[in-house]
Each structure stands twice: as C-alpha cells, then as structure tokens.
Amino acid sequence: MTTLEKFQEEANIKFIHSNRFSLADIEIGELNTADGYELFYITQDVQNLQFDNEVYYYKPDFDTIMKEIDLAKRYDDQIMDVACFDIDEYFDEFMMLDYLESNMDEEEFEAFTNEEE
C-alpha cells in the first residue's frame, strides 16, 4: 500500500479525478486573475466561492487543508470525496507520513513504513 493510499484510508478521504469534480464534497485548486495573479481555494462549491473564507492569496499548507476537510465533514467517519488538481502539490509525502504517524498506533505505523520499503 502506498503512502497516498494509506493516507486516504486514515484520513477518510478519497481523491477523485477531474472528470468527476462535480461529485466532490470539497475541491482544492487555483484560479488565475485577469491581471495574471494566482489565487488558491478550498471550497465545497466552486461555483459560489466565498472570497472571505475559501480563497487564499498564498497556497494553503497541509494543516490548513486538513482543517477545512475536517470542518466540511458532517460526521467523523464520513469519507470525503476530494477533488484536487495537483495532489503532489498540496499533499506532500512527508506531511502525509507525519499525519499517519500522528493518527496511527506506533506499532501499526512502524509496520506500515517497514512494508513500504
């Protein structure tokens, strides 16, 4: 099992592909302004962006993204469908491993990391 697969399992999220973005519970991406600036967003409805709390001038970090995903969950064991244009850009392997280490039992994490090698 890859780090990304284990992360999805532990975080109760499932990354979906671009042709299914309309089915996503939450979307992470970026927009370009007319004058060439880049804006980043984390939203449940890309058609109705709330600029005061869903749009960022700087790329949101891993912790901010996970906080927004958790806030969007209706109940703890809900699996969130996450649309993300560039998973590697927003979900760094080191940060996913750190998340796994924090959320898994020590022996289970060690077994997972040994299995991965």
Protein backbone atom coordinates (compact mmCIF):
# COMPACT_ATOMS: atom_id res chain seq x y z
CA MET A 1 0.00 0.00 0.00
CA THR A 2 1.39 3.42 -0.94
CA THR A 3 1.62 6.38 1.42
CA LEU A 4 -1.13 8.13 -0.54
CA GLU A 5 -3.46 5.11 -0.29
CA LYS A 6 -2.83 4.71 3.44
CA PHE A 7 -3.30 8.45 3.97
CA GLN A 8 -6.67 8.36 2.21
CA GLU A 9 -7.73 5.41 4.35
CA GLU A 10 -6.67 7.01 7.66
CA ALA A 11 -7.99 10.50 6.83
CA ASN A 12 -11.33 9.19 5.49
CA ILE A 13 -10.85 10.92 2.17
CA LYS A 14 -10.89 9.72 -1.42
CA PHE A 15 -9.24 11.70 -4.20
CA ILE A 16 -11.39 11.80 -7.30
CA HIS A 17 -10.35 12.51 -10.86
CA SER A 18 -11.07 15.64 -12.87
CA ASN A 19 -13.94 14.18 -14.91
CA ARG A 20 -15.84 13.65 -11.63
CA PHE A 21 -15.09 17.00 -9.91
CA SER A 22 -18.77 17.92 -9.86
CA LEU A 23 -19.31 14.98 -7.49
CA ALA A 24 -16.67 16.14 -4.98
CA ASP A 25 -17.51 17.06 -1.40
CA ILE A 26 -14.64 19.53 -1.38
CA GLU A 27 -12.40 20.96 -4.10
CA ILE A 28 -8.85 22.27 -3.84
CA GLY A 29 -7.36 24.25 -6.68
CA GLU A 30 -6.19 27.53 -8.09
CA LEU A 31 -7.53 30.28 -10.28
CA ASN A 32 -5.78 32.93 -12.33
CA THR A 33 -6.98 36.52 -12.18
CA ALA A 34 -7.37 38.68 -15.29
CA ASP A 35 -4.15 40.52 -14.44
CA GLY A 36 -2.06 37.35 -14.06
CA TYR A 37 -2.16 36.64 -10.32
CA GLU A 38 -2.79 33.22 -8.88
CA LEU A 39 -5.42 32.61 -6.20
CA PHE A 40 -5.91 29.35 -4.32
CA TYR A 41 -9.15 27.95 -2.97
CA ILE A 42 -10.60 25.22 -0.79
CA THR A 43 -14.36 25.04 -1.24
CA GLN A 44 -17.43 22.84 -1.18
CA ASP A 45 -18.96 24.79 -4.11
CA VAL A 46 -16.58 26.23 -6.70
CA GLN A 47 -19.48 27.97 -8.47
CA ASN A 48 -20.20 30.05 -5.36
CA LEU A 49 -16.79 30.84 -3.89
CA GLN A 50 -16.86 32.72 -0.60
CA PHE A 51 -13.86 35.01 -1.03
CA ASP A 52 -13.65 35.87 2.67
CA ASN A 53 -13.03 32.29 3.86
CA GLU A 54 -12.41 29.99 0.86
CA VAL A 55 -9.90 31.93 -1.24
CA TYR A 56 -6.21 32.33 -0.38
CA TYR A 57 -3.52 34.62 -1.78
CA TYR A 58 -0.89 32.00 -0.94
CA LYS A 59 -1.02 28.26 -1.42
CA PRO A 60 -2.65 26.81 1.72
CA ASP A 61 -0.45 24.48 3.72
CA PHE A 62 -1.26 20.87 4.55
CA ASP A 63 -2.64 21.68 8.02
CA THR A 64 -5.00 24.34 6.64
CA ILE A 65 -6.28 21.92 4.01
CA MET A 66 -6.87 19.15 6.54
CA LYS A 67 -8.64 21.58 8.87
CA GLU A 68 -11.01 22.62 6.06
CA ILE A 69 -11.69 19.00 5.13
CA ASP A 70 -12.49 18.18 8.77
CA LEU A 71 -14.79 21.21 9.04
CA ALA A 72 -16.70 20.05 5.95
CA LYS A 73 -17.39 16.60 7.39
CA ARG A 74 -20.87 16.09 8.75
CA TYR A 75 -19.79 13.17 10.94
CA ASP A 76 -16.39 11.71 11.85
CA ASP A 77 -16.45 8.52 9.83
CA GLN A 78 -17.70 10.18 6.64
CA ILE A 79 -15.45 9.58 3.63
CA MET A 80 -14.94 12.88 1.83
CA ASP A 81 -14.54 12.90 -1.95
CA VAL A 82 -11.75 15.42 -2.56
CA ALA A 83 -11.12 16.94 -5.97
CA CYS A 84 -7.58 18.22 -6.24
CA PHE A 85 -5.97 19.34 -9.47
CA ASP A 86 -2.43 18.50 -8.31
CA ILE A 87 -2.30 16.09 -5.38
CA ASP A 88 1.51 16.16 -5.20
CA GLU A 89 1.46 19.96 -4.92
CA TYR A 90 -0.89 20.07 -1.93
CA PHE A 91 -0.25 16.71 -0.26
CA ASP A 92 3.49 16.28 0.23
CA GLU A 93 4.55 12.72 1.10
CA PHE A 94 6.45 13.91 4.18
CA MET A 95 3.33 15.67 5.52
CA MET A 96 1.17 12.61 4.81
CA LEU A 97 3.63 10.41 6.71
CA ASP A 98 3.61 12.88 9.60
CA TYR A 99 -0.21 12.78 9.59
CA LEU A 100 -0.16 8.97 9.58
CA GLU A 101 2.34 8.83 12.42
CA SER A 102 0.14 11.17 14.48
CA ASN A 103 -3.07 9.25 13.79
CA MET A 104 -1.92 5.63 13.87
CA ASP A 105 -0.83 3.40 16.70
CA GLU A 106 3.01 3.31 16.88
CA GLU A 107 3.32 -0.39 16.02
CA GLU A 108 0.90 -0.10 13.12
CA PHE A 109 2.80 2.91 11.73
CA GLU A 110 6.13 1.11 12.05
CA ALA A 111 4.72 -1.97 10.30
CA PHE A 112 3.37 0.25 7.50
CA THR A 113 6.68 2.09 6.97
CA ASN A 114 8.64 -1.18 7.02
CA GLU A 115 6.22 -2.69 4.50
CA GLU A 116 6.64 0.33 2.22
CA GLU A 117 10.45 -0.06 1.98
